[in-house]
Structures are given as structure tokens and as C-alpha cells.
């Protein structure tokens, strides 16, 4: 697997999304060292969390 693209005709469930969000937020909070790699992990995890909040607000 090189990208996050879906393959075949698979579906994305809310459970899959919850696991992905939990992993991103856990990674963002776990990696706390002052290195470029860990900073990128935190930034991406936090950005994903902000995106999830925006989607939640749009859904009502």
C-alpha cells in the first residue's frame, strides 16, 4: 500500500473512521519530542482532528 486510496468496491464505515481518528489523535499526543518528524505527526493528527470537528459541525 503506497497511498490511502480505496481499492475495489470497499466501503468506509463509521467504525473505520472512528479507528482512524482515534489513531491520529493518539499519535499526535504520543509523539512529543522536538524533532521534524514528530512535529509533522502532531501537525497531521491535529489537522485531522480539526477536520473531523468541521465535518461534525456541518452535519448539524
PDB file of N, CA and C in Angstrom:
ATOM      1  N   UNK A   1       0.844  -1.168   0.000  1.00  0.00           N
ATOM      2  CA  UNK A   1       0.000   0.000   0.000  1.00  0.00           C
ATOM      3  C   UNK A   1       0.891   1.233   0.000  1.00  0.00           C
ATOM      4  N   UNK A   2       0.713   2.072  -1.002  1.00  0.00           N
ATOM      5  CA  UNK A   2       1.521   3.280  -1.123  1.00  0.00           C
ATOM      6  C   UNK A   2       0.722   4.552  -0.818  1.00  0.00           C
ATOM      7  N   UNK A   3      -0.583   4.487  -0.949  1.00  0.00           N
ATOM      8  CA  UNK A   3      -1.422   5.667  -0.728  1.00  0.00           C
ATOM      9  C   UNK A   3      -2.616   5.267   0.137  1.00  0.00           C
ATOM     10  N   UNK A   4      -3.459   6.219   0.440  1.00  0.00           N
ATOM     11  CA  UNK A   4      -4.671   5.947   1.211  1.00  0.00           C
ATOM     12  C   UNK A   4      -5.902   5.761   0.336  1.00  0.00           C
ATOM     13  N   UNK A   5      -5.694   5.570  -0.974  1.00  0.00           N
ATOM     14  CA  UNK A   5      -6.829   5.416  -1.889  1.00  0.00           C
ATOM     15  C   UNK A   5      -7.541   4.099  -1.649  1.00  0.00           C
ATOM     16  N   UNK A   6      -8.873   4.161  -1.805  1.00  0.00           N
ATOM     17  CA  UNK A   6      -9.656   2.930  -1.695  1.00  0.00           C
ATOM     18  C   UNK A   6      -9.402   2.052  -2.917  1.00  0.00           C
ATOM     19  N   UNK A   7      -9.489   0.771  -2.705  1.00  0.00           N
ATOM     20  CA  UNK A   7      -9.353  -0.180  -3.805  1.00  0.00           C
ATOM     21  C   UNK A   7     -10.611  -1.027  -3.870  1.00  0.00           C
ATOM     22  N   UNK A   8     -10.824  -1.643  -4.973  1.00  0.00           N
ATOM     23  CA  UNK A   8     -12.002  -2.463  -5.225  1.00  0.00           C
ATOM     24  C   UNK A   8     -13.262  -1.643  -4.981  1.00  0.00           C
ATOM     25  N   UNK A   9     -14.272  -2.247  -4.456  1.00  0.00           N
ATOM     26  CA  UNK A   9     -15.527  -1.561  -4.149  1.00  0.00           C
ATOM     27  C   UNK A   9     -15.770  -1.584  -2.651  1.00  0.00           C
ATOM     28  N   UNK A  10     -14.756  -1.285  -1.883  1.00  0.00           N
ATOM     29  CA  UNK A  10     -14.881  -1.350  -0.431  1.00  0.00           C
ATOM     30  C   UNK A  10     -15.640  -0.134   0.090  1.00  0.00           C
ATOM     31  N   UNK A  11     -16.265  -0.298   1.221  1.00  0.00           N
ATOM     32  CA  UNK A  11     -16.992   0.808   1.830  1.00  0.00           C
ATOM     33  C   UNK A  11     -16.232   1.312   3.043  1.00  0.00           C
ATOM     34  N   UNK A  12     -16.482   2.542   3.407  1.00  0.00           N
ATOM     35  CA  UNK A  12     -15.875   3.136   4.586  1.00  0.00           C
ATOM     36  C   UNK A  12     -16.960   3.257   5.645  1.00  0.00           C
ATOM     37  N   UNK A  13     -16.785   2.578   6.752  1.00  0.00           N
ATOM     38  CA  UNK A  13     -17.795   2.615   7.794  1.00  0.00           C
ATOM     39  C   UNK A  13     -17.462   3.663   8.842  1.00  0.00           C
ATOM     40  N   UNK A  14     -18.433   3.980   9.680  1.00  0.00           N
ATOM     41  CA  UNK A  14     -18.184   4.920  10.765  1.00  0.00           C
ATOM     42  C   UNK A  14     -17.197   4.344  11.767  1.00  0.00           C
ATOM     43  N   UNK A  15     -17.198   3.030  11.923  1.00  0.00           N
ATOM     44  CA  UNK A  15     -16.243   2.392  12.835  1.00  0.00           C
ATOM     45  C   UNK A  15     -14.824   2.555  12.301  1.00  0.00           C
ATOM     46  N   UNK A  16     -14.642   2.348  11.007  1.00  0.00           N
ATOM     47  CA  UNK A  16     -13.322   2.552  10.393  1.00  0.00           C
ATOM     48  C   UNK A  16     -12.857   3.987  10.593  1.00  0.00           C
ATOM     49  N   UNK A  17     -13.769   4.935  10.389  1.00  0.00           N
ATOM     50  CA  UNK A  17     -13.428   6.341  10.568  1.00  0.00           C
ATOM     51  C   UNK A  17     -13.063   6.648  12.015  1.00  0.00           C
ATOM     52  N   UNK A  18     -13.789   6.041  12.958  1.00  0.00           N
ATOM     53  CA  UNK A  18     -13.502   6.255  14.377  1.00  0.00           C
ATOM     54  C   UNK A  18     -12.121   5.711  14.746  1.00  0.00           C
ATOM     55  N   UNK A  19     -11.782   4.536  14.232  1.00  0.00           N
ATOM     56  CA  UNK A  19     -10.456   3.969  14.495  1.00  0.00           C
ATOM     57  C   UNK A  19      -9.358   4.860  13.912  1.00  0.00           C
ATOM     58  N   UNK A  20      -9.570   5.361  12.702  1.00  0.00           N
ATOM     59  CA  UNK A  20      -8.587   6.233  12.068  1.00  0.00           C
ATOM     60  C   UNK A  20      -8.406   7.517  12.873  1.00  0.00           C
ATOM     61  N   UNK A  21      -9.507   8.146  13.280  1.00  0.00           N
ATOM     62  CA  UNK A  21      -9.428   9.374  14.058  1.00  0.00           C
ATOM     63  C   UNK A  21      -8.756   9.133  15.404  1.00  0.00           C
ATOM     64  N   UNK A  22      -9.123   8.040  16.069  1.00  0.00           N
ATOM     65  CA  UNK A  22      -8.508   7.723  17.364  1.00  0.00           C
ATOM     66  C   UNK A  22      -6.999   7.510  17.217  1.00  0.00           C
ATOM     67  N   UNK A  23      -6.590   6.826  16.170  1.00  0.00           N
ATOM     68  CA  UNK A  23      -5.164   6.605  15.939  1.00  0.00           C
ATOM     69  C   UNK A  23      -4.419   7.888  15.643  1.00  0.00           C
ATOM     70  N   UNK A  24      -5.031   8.766  14.838  1.00  0.00           N
ATOM     71  CA  UNK A  24      -4.386  10.040  14.510  1.00  0.00           C
ATOM     72  C   UNK A  24      -4.226  10.908  15.754  1.00  0.00           C
ATOM     73  N   UNK A  25      -5.268  10.986  16.576  1.00  0.00           N
ATOM     74  CA  UNK A  25      -5.202  11.805  17.783  1.00  0.00           C
ATOM     75  C   UNK A  25      -4.261  11.203  18.825  1.00  0.00           C
ATOM     76  N   UNK A  26      -4.232   9.880  18.917  1.00  0.00           N
ATOM     77  CA  UNK A  26      -3.304   9.218  19.835  1.00  0.00           C
ATOM     78  C   UNK A  26      -1.867   9.471  19.400  1.00  0.00           C
ATOM     79  N   UNK A  27      -1.606   9.335  18.111  1.00  0.00           N
ATOM     80  CA  UNK A  27      -0.265   9.608  17.598  1.00  0.00           C
ATOM     81  C   UNK A  27       0.149  11.051  17.853  1.00  0.00           C
ATOM     82  N   UNK A  28      -0.790  11.979  17.658  1.00  0.00           N
ATOM     83  CA  UNK A  28      -0.487  13.396  17.881  1.00  0.00           C
ATOM     84  C   UNK A  28      -0.134  13.667  19.334  1.00  0.00           C
ATOM     85  N   UNK A  29      -0.781  12.978  20.254  1.00  0.00           N
ATOM     86  CA  UNK A  29      -0.489  13.220  21.673  1.00  0.00           C
ATOM     87  C   UNK A  29       0.719  12.418  22.159  1.00  0.00           C
ATOM     88  N   UNK A  30       1.023  11.294  21.523  1.00  0.00           N
ATOM     89  CA  UNK A  30       2.127  10.435  21.963  1.00  0.00           C
ATOM     90  C   UNK A  30       3.492  11.012  21.583  1.00  0.00           C
ATOM     91  N   UNK A  31       3.602  11.512  20.353  1.00  0.00           N
ATOM     92  CA  UNK A  31       4.899  11.974  19.861  1.00  0.00           C
ATOM     93  C   UNK A  31       5.109  13.423  20.290  1.00  0.00           C
ATOM     94  N   UNK A  32       5.937  13.596  21.313  1.00  0.00           N
ATOM     95  CA  UNK A  32       6.125  14.923  21.887  1.00  0.00           C
ATOM     96  C   UNK A  32       7.539  15.467  21.789  1.00  0.00           C
ATOM     97  N   UNK A  33       8.426  14.739  21.129  1.00  0.00           N
ATOM     98  CA  UNK A  33       9.804  15.213  21.005  1.00  0.00           C
ATOM     99  C   UNK A  33       9.877  16.388  20.038  1.00  0.00           C
ATOM    100  N   UNK A  34      10.923  17.179  20.161  1.00  0.00           N
ATOM    101  CA  UNK A  34      11.102  18.357  19.324  1.00  0.00           C
ATOM    102  C   UNK A  34      11.943  18.000  18.099  1.00  0.00           C
ATOM    103  N   UNK A  35      11.382  17.118  17.264  1.00  0.00           N
ATOM    104  CA  UNK A  35      12.046  16.758  16.009  1.00  0.00           C
ATOM    105  C   UNK A  35      11.103  17.058  14.850  1.00  0.00           C
ATOM    106  N   UNK A  36      11.646  17.155  13.663  1.00  0.00           N
ATOM    107  CA  UNK A  36      10.829  17.464  12.486  1.00  0.00           C
ATOM    108  C   UNK A  36       9.787  16.377  12.226  1.00  0.00           C
ATOM    109  N   UNK A  37      10.196  15.105  12.351  1.00  0.00           N
ATOM    110  CA  UNK A  37       9.268  14.006  12.087  1.00  0.00           C
ATOM    111  C   UNK A  37       8.110  13.998  13.081  1.00  0.00           C
ATOM    112  N   UNK A  38       8.425  14.152  14.362  1.00  0.00           N
ATOM    113  CA  UNK A  38       7.376  14.108  15.377  1.00  0.00           C
ATOM    114  C   UNK A  38       6.494  15.350  15.314  1.00  0.00           C
ATOM    115  N   UNK A  39       7.068  16.462  14.928  1.00  0.00           N
ATOM    116  CA  UNK A  39       6.274  17.675  14.746  1.00  0.00           C
ATOM    117  C   UNK A  39       5.276  17.486  13.605  1.00  0.00           C
ATOM    118  N   UNK A  40       5.715  16.842  12.538  1.00  0.00           N
ATOM    119  CA  UNK A  40       4.817  16.575  11.410  1.00  0.00           C
ATOM    120  C   UNK A  40       3.693  15.628  11.824  1.00  0.00           C
ATOM    121  N   UNK A  41       4.012  14.601  12.603  1.00  0.00           N
ATOM    122  CA  UNK A  41       2.987  13.672  13.085  1.00  0.00           C
ATOM    123  C   UNK A  41       1.951  14.425  13.910  1.00  0.00           C
ATOM    124  N   UNK A  42       2.414  15.281  14.819  1.00  0.00           N
ATOM    125  CA  UNK A  42       1.479  16.077  15.640  1.00  0.00           C
ATOM    126  C   UNK A  42       0.619  16.987  14.771  1.00  0.00           C
ATOM    127  N   UNK A  43       1.250  17.670  13.831  1.00  0.00           N
ATOM    128  CA  UNK A  43       0.513  18.598  12.965  1.00  0.00           C
ATOM    129  C   UNK A  43      -0.562  17.872  12.160  1.00  0.00           C
ATOM    130  N   UNK A  44      -0.207  16.718  11.598  1.00  0.00           N
ATOM    131  CA  UNK A  44      -1.180  15.966  10.802  1.00  0.00           C
ATOM    132  C   UNK A  44      -2.315  15.419  11.663  1.00  0.00           C
ATOM    133  N   UNK A  45      -1.989  14.893  12.832  1.00  0.00           N
ATOM    134  CA  UNK A  45      -3.022  14.385  13.736  1.00  0.00           C
ATOM    135  C   UNK A  45      -3.966  15.476  14.187  1.00  0.00           C
ATOM    136  N   UNK A  46      -3.418  16.636  14.526  1.00  0.00           N
ATOM    137  CA  UNK A  46      -4.249  17.755  14.962  1.00  0.00           C
ATOM    138  C   UNK A  46      -5.090  18.298  13.812  1.00  0.00           C
ATOM    139  N   UNK A  47      -4.535  18.334  12.611  1.00  0.00           N
ATOM    140  CA  UNK A  47      -5.294  18.792  11.446  1.00  0.00           C
ATOM    141  C   UNK A  47      -6.454  17.848  11.162  1.00  0.00           C
ATOM    142  N   UNK A  48      -6.216  16.566  11.316  1.00  0.00           N
ATOM    143  CA  UNK A  48      -7.274  15.586  11.098  1.00  0.00           C
ATOM    144  C   UNK A  48      -8.379  15.758  12.141  1.00  0.00           C
ATOM    145  N   UNK A  49      -7.998  16.034  13.370  1.00  0.00           N
ATOM    146  CA  UNK A  49      -8.983  16.282  14.423  1.00  0.00           C
ATOM    147  C   UNK A  49      -9.817  17.528  14.129  1.00  0.00           C
ATOM    148  N   UNK A  50      -9.167  18.598  13.646  1.00  0.00           N
ATOM    149  CA  UNK A  50      -9.901  19.818  13.279  1.00  0.00           C
ATOM    150  C   UNK A  50     -10.859  19.552  12.128  1.00  0.00           C
ATOM    151  N   UNK A  51     -10.422  18.747  11.150  1.00  0.00           N
ATOM    152  CA  UNK A  51     -11.283  18.399  10.026  1.00  0.00           C
ATOM    153  C   UNK A  51     -12.509  17.626  10.509  1.00  0.00           C
ATOM    154  N   UNK A  52     -12.311  16.688  11.422  1.00  0.00           N
ATOM    155  CA  UNK A  52     -13.428  15.922  11.962  1.00  0.00           C
ATOM    156  C   UNK A  52     -14.424  16.836  12.691  1.00  0.00           C
ATOM    157  N   UNK A  53     -13.915  17.827  13.407  1.00  0.00           N
ATOM    158  CA  UNK A  53     -14.797  18.789  14.094  1.00  0.00           C
ATOM    159  C   UNK A  53     -15.601  19.608  13.096  1.00  0.00           C
ATOM    160  N   UNK A  54     -14.978  20.039  11.996  1.00  0.00           N
ATOM    161  CA  UNK A  54     -15.693  20.809  10.988  1.00  0.00           C
ATOM    162  C   UNK A  54     -16.793  19.974  10.345  1.00  0.00           C
ATOM    163  N   UNK A  55     -16.482  18.715  10.052  1.00  0.00           N
ATOM    164  CA  UNK A  55     -17.478  17.834   9.458  1.00  0.00           C
ATOM    165  C   UNK A  55     -18.645  17.630  10.421  1.00  0.00           C
ATOM    166  N   UNK A  56     -18.337  17.479  11.701  1.00  0.00           N
ATOM    167  CA  UNK A  56     -19.379  17.310  12.708  1.00  0.00           C
ATOM    168  C   UNK A  56     -20.281  18.534  12.765  1.00  0.00           C
ATOM    169  N   UNK A  57     -19.706  19.730  12.710  1.00  0.00           N
ATOM    170  CA  UNK A  57     -20.499  20.955  12.727  1.00  0.00           C
ATOM    171  C   UNK A  57     -21.364  21.074  11.491  1.00  0.00           C
ATOM    172  N   UNK A  58     -20.850  20.713  10.334  1.00  0.00           N
ATOM    173  CA  UNK A  58     -21.627  20.785   9.093  1.00  0.00           C
ATOM    174  C   UNK A  58     -22.792  19.799   9.095  1.00  0.00           C
ATOM    175  N   UNK A  59     -22.582  18.655   9.749  1.00  0.00           N
ATOM    176  CA  UNK A  59     -23.633  17.630   9.792  1.00  0.00           C
ATOM    177  C   UNK A  59     -24.776  18.037  10.706  1.00  0.00           C
ATOM    178  N   UNK A  60     -24.526  18.993  11.580  1.00  0.00           N
ATOM    179  CA  UNK A  60     -25.592  19.521  12.428  1.00  0.00           C
ATOM    180  C   UNK A  60     -25.594  18.907  13.747  1.00  0.00           C
TER     181      UNK A  60
END
